[in-house]
């Protein structure tokens, strides 16, 4: 009799714990600031990244920008990085050294960190003043949700129709990145 009561109490506690956990997860997901109507399943399966996701960011001057403001008549290179990560810094250096290959692209360097942390990253200064580069803070940490916790650096190439064409997880080899970018440039768009 006593073991049945203990089992019953443990069962009730477990159910309450699961319920509380689900409420916390649902509350957190509902507070995310993405603009597309991605379902939870789409995000978990990675379907949400098949097109350039729509989310709000802060530029280094604290002005808000939407990912949809990135020119959509160009190929977009989205680089997700951590300003304290050595591999990310290496990729930023390599990208800036190869920037002449990417002048026809819109490049977005996005970190889910405060602006002050991004500004303190010396490698970011290499991109200042370049018209085709947007440096921004994902101040709502939306990219971590959309890209399933992502490994940084993560570099994604979207075509002119904003469809995903290539993904580099970890430090991208610049020769491969240039090759993939040129391949996407050569493909006709769906818009005709």
C-alpha atoms as a PDB file:
ATOM      1  CA  UNK A   1       0.000   0.000   0.000  1.00  0.00           C
ATOM      2  CA  UNK A   2       2.783   2.413   0.942  1.00  0.00           C
ATOM      3  CA  UNK A   3       4.749   1.722  -2.285  1.00  0.00           C
ATOM      4  CA  UNK A   4       1.584   2.345  -4.338  1.00  0.00           C
ATOM      5  CA  UNK A   5       1.178   5.764  -2.679  1.00  0.00           C
ATOM      6  CA  UNK A   6       4.841   6.595  -3.318  1.00  0.00           C
ATOM      7  CA  UNK A   7       4.501   5.546  -6.980  1.00  0.00           C
ATOM      8  CA  UNK A   8       1.317   7.611  -7.299  1.00  0.00           C
ATOM      9  CA  UNK A   9       3.007  10.689  -5.794  1.00  0.00           C
ATOM     10  CA  UNK A  10       6.038  10.274  -8.081  1.00  0.00           C
ATOM     11  CA  UNK A  11       3.735   9.968 -11.085  1.00  0.00           C
ATOM     12  CA  UNK A  12       1.922  13.196 -10.161  1.00  0.00           C
ATOM     13  CA  UNK A  13       5.229  15.020  -9.594  1.00  0.00           C
ATOM     14  CA  UNK A  14       6.590  13.820 -12.968  1.00  0.00           C
ATOM     15  CA  UNK A  15       3.435  14.926 -14.806  1.00  0.00           C
ATOM     16  CA  UNK A  16       3.592  18.353 -13.163  1.00  0.00           C
ATOM     17  CA  UNK A  17       7.289  18.653 -14.014  1.00  0.00           C
ATOM     18  CA  UNK A  18       6.663  17.805 -17.671  1.00  0.00           C
ATOM     19  CA  UNK A  19       3.750  20.246 -17.788  1.00  0.00           C
ATOM     20  CA  UNK A  20       5.864  23.052 -16.286  1.00  0.00           C
ATOM     21  CA  UNK A  21       8.679  22.289 -18.720  1.00  0.00           C
ATOM     22  CA  UNK A  22       6.299  22.423 -21.706  1.00  0.00           C
ATOM     23  CA  UNK A  23       4.807  25.710 -20.495  1.00  0.00           C
ATOM     24  CA  UNK A  24       8.307  27.214 -20.211  1.00  0.00           C
ATOM     25  CA  UNK A  25       9.305  26.017 -23.696  1.00  0.00           C
ATOM     26  CA  UNK A  26       6.047  27.254 -25.255  1.00  0.00           C
ATOM     27  CA  UNK A  27       6.397  30.640 -23.524  1.00  0.00           C
ATOM     28  CA  UNK A  28       9.973  30.973 -24.746  1.00  0.00           C
ATOM     29  CA  UNK A  29       9.082  30.009 -28.319  1.00  0.00           C
ATOM     30  CA  UNK A  30       6.147  32.399 -28.405  1.00  0.00           C
ATOM     31  CA  UNK A  31       8.421  35.255 -27.322  1.00  0.00           C
ATOM     32  CA  UNK A  32      10.757  34.764 -30.303  1.00  0.00           C
ATOM     33  CA  UNK A  33      10.704  37.656 -32.738  1.00  0.00           C
ATOM     34  CA  UNK A  34      10.824  35.929 -36.095  1.00  0.00           C
ATOM     35  CA  UNK A  35       8.415  37.283 -38.629  1.00  0.00           C
ATOM     36  CA  UNK A  36       7.725  34.266 -40.811  1.00  0.00           C
ATOM     37  CA  UNK A  37       5.012  31.886 -39.754  1.00  0.00           C
ATOM     38  CA  UNK A  38       7.351  28.951 -39.203  1.00  0.00           C
ATOM     39  CA  UNK A  39       5.876  26.105 -37.244  1.00  0.00           C
ATOM     40  CA  UNK A  40       7.880  24.507 -34.466  1.00  0.00           C
ATOM     41  CA  UNK A  41       8.285  21.400 -36.663  1.00  0.00           C
ATOM     42  CA  UNK A  42       9.685  23.455 -39.550  1.00  0.00           C
ATOM     43  CA  UNK A  43      12.271  25.011 -37.260  1.00  0.00           C
ATOM     44  CA  UNK A  44      13.249  21.613 -35.812  1.00  0.00           C
ATOM     45  CA  UNK A  45      13.546  20.061 -39.287  1.00  0.00           C
ATOM     46  CA  UNK A  46      15.510  22.976 -40.707  1.00  0.00           C
ATOM     47  CA  UNK A  47      12.799  23.904 -43.237  1.00  0.00           C
ATOM     48  CA  UNK A  48      12.802  27.452 -41.883  1.00  0.00           C
ATOM     49  CA  UNK A  49      16.232  28.114 -43.400  1.00  0.00           C
ATOM     50  CA  UNK A  50      15.360  27.045 -46.946  1.00  0.00           C
ATOM     51  CA  UNK A  51      14.532  30.704 -47.570  1.00  0.00           C
ATOM     52  CA  UNK A  52      16.239  33.711 -46.038  1.00  0.00           C
ATOM     53  CA  UNK A  53      14.502  34.002 -42.641  1.00  0.00           C
ATOM     54  CA  UNK A  54      12.808  37.254 -41.713  1.00  0.00           C
ATOM     55  CA  UNK A  55      13.922  38.674 -38.393  1.00  0.00           C
ATOM     56  CA  UNK A  56      14.881  41.977 -36.797  1.00  0.00           C
ATOM     57  CA  UNK A  57      18.451  42.961 -35.955  1.00  0.00           C
ATOM     58  CA  UNK A  58      20.280  45.997 -34.619  1.00  0.00           C
ATOM     59  CA  UNK A  59      23.046  47.610 -36.645  1.00  0.00           C
ATOM     60  CA  UNK A  60      26.132  48.757 -34.781  1.00  0.00           C
ATOM     61  CA  UNK A  61      24.647  52.270 -34.563  1.00  0.00           C
ATOM     62  CA  UNK A  62      21.612  50.721 -32.763  1.00  0.00           C
ATOM     63  CA  UNK A  63      19.195  51.310 -35.646  1.00  0.00           C
ATOM     64  CA  UNK A  64      16.849  48.420 -36.271  1.00  0.00           C
ATOM     65  CA  UNK A  65      17.002  46.593 -39.580  1.00  0.00           C
ATOM     66  CA  UNK A  66      14.934  43.708 -40.875  1.00  0.00           C
ATOM     67  CA  UNK A  67      16.573  40.862 -42.722  1.00  0.00           C
ATOM     68  CA  UNK A  68      14.088  41.693 -45.510  1.00  0.00           C
ATOM     69  CA  UNK A  69      15.889  45.049 -45.866  1.00  0.00           C
ATOM     70  CA  UNK A  70      18.941  43.251 -47.174  1.00  0.00           C
ATOM     71  CA  UNK A  71      18.743  43.808 -50.951  1.00  0.00           C
ATOM     72  CA  UNK A  72      16.905  40.854 -52.446  1.00  0.00           C
ATOM     73  CA  UNK A  73      18.082  41.533 -55.978  1.00  0.00           C
ATOM     74  CA  UNK A  74      21.499  40.206 -54.970  1.00  0.00           C
ATOM     75  CA  UNK A  75      22.908  36.970 -53.685  1.00  0.00           C
ATOM     76  CA  UNK A  76      23.005  37.122 -49.888  1.00  0.00           C
ATOM     77  CA  UNK A  77      25.812  35.689 -47.804  1.00  0.00           C
ATOM     78  CA  UNK A  78      24.714  35.349 -44.193  1.00  0.00           C
ATOM     79  CA  UNK A  79      27.550  34.788 -41.720  1.00  0.00           C
ATOM     80  CA  UNK A  80      26.511  33.866 -38.191  1.00  0.00           C
ATOM     81  CA  UNK A  81      29.358  34.359 -35.767  1.00  0.00           C
ATOM     82  CA  UNK A  82      30.433  34.772 -32.160  1.00  0.00           C
ATOM     83  CA  UNK A  83      32.756  37.757 -31.614  1.00  0.00           C
ATOM     84  CA  UNK A  84      34.748  35.793 -29.014  1.00  0.00           C
ATOM     85  CA  UNK A  85      35.193  32.627 -31.119  1.00  0.00           C
ATOM     86  CA  UNK A  86      38.664  32.093 -32.627  1.00  0.00           C
ATOM     87  CA  UNK A  87      37.323  30.134 -35.618  1.00  0.00           C
ATOM     88  CA  UNK A  88      34.816  32.918 -36.272  1.00  0.00           C
ATOM     89  CA  UNK A  89      37.578  35.518 -36.177  1.00  0.00           C
ATOM     90  CA  UNK A  90      39.653  33.426 -38.590  1.00  0.00           C
ATOM     91  CA  UNK A  91      36.694  33.250 -40.978  1.00  0.00           C
ATOM     92  CA  UNK A  92      36.090  37.011 -40.744  1.00  0.00           C
ATOM     93  CA  UNK A  93      39.749  37.656 -41.584  1.00  0.00           C
ATOM     94  CA  UNK A  94      39.643  35.232 -44.533  1.00  0.00           C
ATOM     95  CA  UNK A  95      36.368  36.735 -45.773  1.00  0.00           C
ATOM     96  CA  UNK A  96      37.707  40.282 -45.568  1.00  0.00           C
ATOM     97  CA  UNK A  97      40.880  39.201 -47.396  1.00  0.00           C
ATOM     98  CA  UNK A  98      38.688  37.721 -50.169  1.00  0.00           C
ATOM     99  CA  UNK A  99      36.051  40.483 -50.186  1.00  0.00           C
ATOM    100  CA  UNK A 100      36.825  41.474 -53.796  1.00  0.00           C
ATOM    101  CA  UNK A 101      35.174  38.190 -54.880  1.00  0.00           C
ATOM    102  CA  UNK A 102      31.923  39.158 -53.157  1.00  0.00           C
ATOM    103  CA  UNK A 103      31.254  42.793 -54.102  1.00  0.00           C
ATOM    104  CA  UNK A 104      28.187  41.747 -56.114  1.00  0.00           C
ATOM    105  CA  UNK A 105      26.666  40.116 -52.996  1.00  0.00           C
ATOM    106  CA  UNK A 106      24.893  41.460 -49.941  1.00  0.00           C
ATOM    107  CA  UNK A 107      26.798  40.232 -46.916  1.00  0.00           C
ATOM    108  CA  UNK A 108      25.218  40.148 -43.469  1.00  0.00           C
ATOM    109  CA  UNK A 109      27.493  39.483 -40.497  1.00  0.00           C
ATOM    110  CA  UNK A 110      25.164  38.621 -37.629  1.00  0.00           C
ATOM    111  CA  UNK A 111      25.958  37.704 -34.028  1.00  0.00           C
ATOM    112  CA  UNK A 112      23.497  36.929 -31.221  1.00  0.00           C
ATOM    113  CA  UNK A 113      25.523  39.179 -28.910  1.00  0.00           C
ATOM    114  CA  UNK A 114      25.227  42.746 -27.621  1.00  0.00           C
ATOM    115  CA  UNK A 115      26.466  45.482 -29.949  1.00  0.00           C
ATOM    116  CA  UNK A 116      29.290  46.332 -27.522  1.00  0.00           C
ATOM    117  CA  UNK A 117      30.670  42.775 -27.846  1.00  0.00           C
ATOM    118  CA  UNK A 118      30.511  42.932 -31.638  1.00  0.00           C
ATOM    119  CA  UNK A 119      32.213  46.343 -31.731  1.00  0.00           C
ATOM    120  CA  UNK A 120      35.015  45.033 -29.518  1.00  0.00           C
ATOM    121  CA  UNK A 121      35.851  42.362 -32.115  1.00  0.00           C
ATOM    122  CA  UNK A 122      38.801  43.842 -34.082  1.00  0.00           C
ATOM    123  CA  UNK A 123      38.091  41.642 -37.109  1.00  0.00           C
ATOM    124  CA  UNK A 124      34.748  43.419 -37.624  1.00  0.00           C
ATOM    125  CA  UNK A 125      36.546  46.708 -38.241  1.00  0.00           C
ATOM    126  CA  UNK A 126      37.820  45.235 -41.534  1.00  0.00           C
ATOM    127  CA  UNK A 127      34.252  45.477 -42.922  1.00  0.00           C
ATOM    128  CA  UNK A 128      33.428  49.014 -41.814  1.00  0.00           C
ATOM    129  CA  UNK A 129      32.590  51.324 -44.686  1.00  0.00           C
ATOM    130  CA  UNK A 130      31.777  48.550 -47.164  1.00  0.00           C
ATOM    131  CA  UNK A 131      28.395  49.303 -48.754  1.00  0.00           C
ATOM    132  CA  UNK A 132      27.529  45.659 -49.395  1.00  0.00           C
ATOM    133  CA  UNK A 133      28.149  44.548 -45.777  1.00  0.00           C
ATOM    134  CA  UNK A 134      25.667  44.801 -42.909  1.00  0.00           C
ATOM    135  CA  UNK A 135      27.010  44.117 -39.423  1.00  0.00           C
ATOM    136  CA  UNK A 136      24.290  43.449 -36.896  1.00  0.00           C
ATOM    137  CA  UNK A 137      23.326  42.103 -33.511  1.00  0.00           C
ATOM    138  CA  UNK A 138      20.595  39.503 -33.331  1.00  0.00           C
ATOM    139  CA  UNK A 139      19.458  41.043 -30.053  1.00  0.00           C
ATOM    140  CA  UNK A 140      16.481  38.649 -29.764  1.00  0.00           C
ATOM    141  CA  UNK A 141      18.623  35.509 -30.354  1.00  0.00           C
ATOM    142  CA  UNK A 142      16.269  34.488 -33.152  1.00  0.00           C
ATOM    143  CA  UNK A 143      19.038  32.973 -35.284  1.00  0.00           C
ATOM    144  CA  UNK A 144      19.807  30.409 -32.604  1.00  0.00           C
ATOM    145  CA  UNK A 145      16.184  29.252 -32.741  1.00  0.00           C
ATOM    146  CA  UNK A 146      15.825  29.337 -36.520  1.00  0.00           C
ATOM    147  CA  UNK A 147      19.151  27.613 -37.122  1.00  0.00           C
ATOM    148  CA  UNK A 148      18.687  25.006 -34.364  1.00  0.00           C
ATOM    149  CA  UNK A 149      21.341  26.243 -31.987  1.00  0.00           C
ATOM    150  CA  UNK A 150      23.815  26.533 -34.880  1.00  0.00           C
ATOM    151  CA  UNK A 151      27.519  25.868 -34.796  1.00  0.00           C
ATOM    152  CA  UNK A 152      29.487  29.045 -35.377  1.00  0.00           C
ATOM    153  CA  UNK A 153      30.778  30.210 -37.631  1.00  0.00           C
ATOM    154  CA  UNK A 154      27.957  29.285 -39.979  1.00  0.00           C
ATOM    155  CA  UNK A 155      27.861  30.749 -43.472  1.00  0.00           C
ATOM    156  CA  UNK A 156      24.821  30.459 -45.719  1.00  0.00           C
ATOM    157  CA  UNK A 157      24.490  31.516 -49.342  1.00  0.00           C
ATOM    158  CA  UNK A 158      21.024  32.526 -50.558  1.00  0.00           C
ATOM    159  CA  UNK A 159      20.310  33.190 -54.245  1.00  0.00           C
ATOM    160  CA  UNK A 160      18.559  36.285 -55.623  1.00  0.00           C
ATOM    161  CA  UNK A 161      15.207  34.617 -54.873  1.00  0.00           C
ATOM    162  CA  UNK A 162      16.365  34.266 -51.251  1.00  0.00           C
ATOM    163  CA  UNK A 163      16.488  30.471 -51.509  1.00  0.00           C
ATOM    164  CA  UNK A 164      19.237  28.599 -49.668  1.00  0.00           C
ATOM    165  CA  UNK A 165      21.949  27.331 -52.004  1.00  0.00           C
ATOM    166  CA  UNK A 166      24.913  26.463 -49.745  1.00  0.00           C
ATOM    167  CA  UNK A 167      25.718  26.035 -46.052  1.00  0.00           C
ATOM    168  CA  UNK A 168      29.140  26.020 -44.434  1.00  0.00           C
ATOM    169  CA  UNK A 169      29.180  24.840 -40.815  1.00  0.00           C
ATOM    170  CA  UNK A 170      32.370  25.686 -39.019  1.00  0.00           C
ATOM    171  CA  UNK A 171      35.128  27.722 -40.621  1.00  0.00           C
ATOM    172  CA  UNK A 172      34.450  27.982 -44.343  1.00  0.00           C
ATOM    173  CA  UNK A 173      37.287  27.325 -46.734  1.00  0.00           C
ATOM    174  CA  UNK A 174      37.363  30.558 -48.776  1.00  0.00           C
ATOM    175  CA  UNK A 175      38.165  28.750 -52.024  1.00  0.00           C
ATOM    176  CA  UNK A 176      35.060  26.582 -51.534  1.00  0.00           C
ATOM    177  CA  UNK A 177      32.987  29.623 -50.557  1.00  0.00           C
ATOM    178  CA  UNK A 178      34.110  31.517 -53.658  1.00  0.00           C
ATOM    179  CA  UNK A 179      33.410  28.457 -55.829  1.00  0.00           C
ATOM    180  CA  UNK A 180      29.890  28.041 -54.381  1.00  0.00           C
ATOM    181  CA  UNK A 181      29.192  31.771 -54.692  1.00  0.00           C
ATOM    182  CA  UNK A 182      30.228  31.747 -58.362  1.00  0.00           C
ATOM    183  CA  UNK A 183      28.096  28.661 -58.958  1.00  0.00           C
ATOM    184  CA  UNK A 184      25.045  30.435 -57.491  1.00  0.00           C
ATOM    185  CA  UNK A 185      25.825  33.542 -59.584  1.00  0.00           C
ATOM    186  CA  UNK A 186      25.706  31.427 -62.752  1.00  0.00           C
ATOM    187  CA  UNK A 187      22.308  29.842 -62.039  1.00  0.00           C
ATOM    188  CA  UNK A 188      19.224  31.586 -63.434  1.00  0.00           C
ATOM    189  CA  UNK A 189      16.696  32.784 -60.875  1.00  0.00           C
ATOM    190  CA  UNK A 190      13.099  31.650 -60.625  1.00  0.00           C
ATOM    191  CA  UNK A 191      11.836  35.212 -61.149  1.00  0.00           C
ATOM    192  CA  UNK A 192      12.958  34.973 -64.708  1.00  0.00           C
END
